[in-house]
Amino acid sequence: MAQHALPHTGVMTLDEFIHRSAQEGPFEILDGEIVSKMPTIARHAKITKRLFLVPELFRG
């Protein structure tokens, strides 16, 4: 899975981050570089949700 850095230099505010993600799609910042994220498919989202809820089973 190839990840491509998106061009950006300097500091990015939270507002800029939100606006840019709305315009260009999902991305994350890794080691100071903006990297495109692969879109989540429905099956992956379902599995992630289940894994996220597992700790709730062990809460006392």
C-alpha atoms as a PDB file:
ATOM      1  CA  MET A   1       0.000   0.000   0.000  1.00  0.00           C
ATOM      2  CA  ALA A   2       1.726   3.156  -1.178  1.00  0.00           C
ATOM      3  CA  GLN A   3       1.341   6.360   0.765  1.00  0.00           C
ATOM      4  CA  HIS A   4       2.025   9.644  -0.970  1.00  0.00           C
ATOM      5  CA  ALA A   5       3.103  12.777   0.864  1.00  0.00           C
ATOM      6  CA  LEU A   6       0.971  15.813   0.072  1.00  0.00           C
ATOM      7  CA  PRO A   7       2.885  19.077  -0.398  1.00  0.00           C
ATOM      8  CA  HIS A   8       2.801  21.438   2.589  1.00  0.00           C
ATOM      9  CA  THR A   9       5.444  23.350   4.468  1.00  0.00           C
ATOM     10  CA  GLY A  10       5.207  25.193   7.746  1.00  0.00           C
ATOM     11  CA  VAL A  11       2.771  25.020  10.625  1.00  0.00           C
ATOM     12  CA  MET A  12      -0.843  23.947  10.098  1.00  0.00           C
ATOM     13  CA  THR A  13      -3.610  25.032  12.459  1.00  0.00           C
ATOM     14  CA  LEU A  14      -6.479  22.729  13.417  1.00  0.00           C
ATOM     15  CA  ASP A  15      -8.849  24.809  11.270  1.00  0.00           C
ATOM     16  CA  GLU A  16      -6.517  24.412   8.267  1.00  0.00           C
ATOM     17  CA  PHE A  17      -6.261  20.665   8.940  1.00  0.00           C
ATOM     18  CA  ILE A  18     -10.059  20.277   9.022  1.00  0.00           C
ATOM     19  CA  HIS A  19     -10.574  22.452   5.925  1.00  0.00           C
ATOM     20  CA  ARG A  20      -7.863  20.649   3.975  1.00  0.00           C
ATOM     21  CA  SER A  21      -9.192  17.196   4.884  1.00  0.00           C
ATOM     22  CA  ALA A  22     -12.671  18.260   3.732  1.00  0.00           C
ATOM     23  CA  GLN A  23     -11.242  19.459   0.407  1.00  0.00           C
ATOM     24  CA  GLU A  24      -8.643  16.746  -0.313  1.00  0.00           C
ATOM     25  CA  GLY A  25      -9.952  13.723   1.561  1.00  0.00           C
ATOM     26  CA  PRO A  26      -8.544  11.945   4.602  1.00  0.00           C
ATOM     27  CA  PHE A  27      -4.884  12.323   5.509  1.00  0.00           C
ATOM     28  CA  GLU A  28      -2.664  12.098   8.567  1.00  0.00           C
ATOM     29  CA  ILE A  29       0.605  13.620   9.693  1.00  0.00           C
ATOM     30  CA  LEU A  30       3.485  11.149  10.035  1.00  0.00           C
ATOM     31  CA  ASP A  31       6.941  12.351  11.063  1.00  0.00           C
ATOM     32  CA  GLY A  32       5.900  15.896  10.207  1.00  0.00           C
ATOM     33  CA  GLU A  33       4.700  15.024   6.699  1.00  0.00           C
ATOM     34  CA  ILE A  34       1.113  14.979   5.460  1.00  0.00           C
ATOM     35  CA  VAL A  35       0.281  11.532   4.078  1.00  0.00           C
ATOM     36  CA  SER A  36      -2.897  10.491   2.220  1.00  0.00           C
ATOM     37  CA  LYS A  37      -4.986   7.816   3.913  1.00  0.00           C
ATOM     38  CA  MET A  38      -6.677   4.983   2.080  1.00  0.00           C
ATOM     39  CA  PRO A  39     -10.478   5.160   2.290  1.00  0.00           C
ATOM     40  CA  THR A  40     -12.079   2.721   4.721  1.00  0.00           C
ATOM     41  CA  ILE A  41     -14.281  -0.004   3.267  1.00  0.00           C
ATOM     42  CA  ALA A  42     -17.461  -1.125   5.044  1.00  0.00           C
ATOM     43  CA  ARG A  43     -16.075  -4.483   6.198  1.00  0.00           C
ATOM     44  CA  HIS A  44     -12.962  -2.851   7.644  1.00  0.00           C
ATOM     45  CA  ALA A  45     -15.094  -0.294   9.489  1.00  0.00           C
ATOM     46  CA  LYS A  46     -17.264  -3.074  10.966  1.00  0.00           C
ATOM     47  CA  ILE A  47     -14.216  -5.011  12.214  1.00  0.00           C
ATOM     48  CA  THR A  48     -12.650  -1.858  13.663  1.00  0.00           C
ATOM     49  CA  LYS A  49     -15.865  -1.043  15.532  1.00  0.00           C
ATOM     50  CA  ARG A  50     -16.014  -4.539  17.026  1.00  0.00           C
ATOM     51  CA  LEU A  51     -12.370  -4.386  18.128  1.00  0.00           C
ATOM     52  CA  PHE A  52     -12.930  -0.966  19.650  1.00  0.00           C
ATOM     53  CA  LEU A  53     -15.816  -2.365  21.720  1.00  0.00           C
ATOM     54  CA  VAL A  54     -13.921  -5.443  23.035  1.00  0.00           C
ATOM     55  CA  PRO A  55     -12.598  -3.688  26.200  1.00  0.00           C
ATOM     56  CA  GLU A  56     -16.217  -2.960  27.181  1.00  0.00           C
ATOM     57  CA  LEU A  57     -16.734  -6.712  27.632  1.00  0.00           C
ATOM     58  CA  PHE A  58     -14.158  -6.754  30.428  1.00  0.00           C
ATOM     59  CA  ARG A  59     -15.294  -3.670  32.308  1.00  0.00           C
ATOM     60  CA  GLY A  60     -16.506  -4.456  35.787  1.00  0.00           C
END
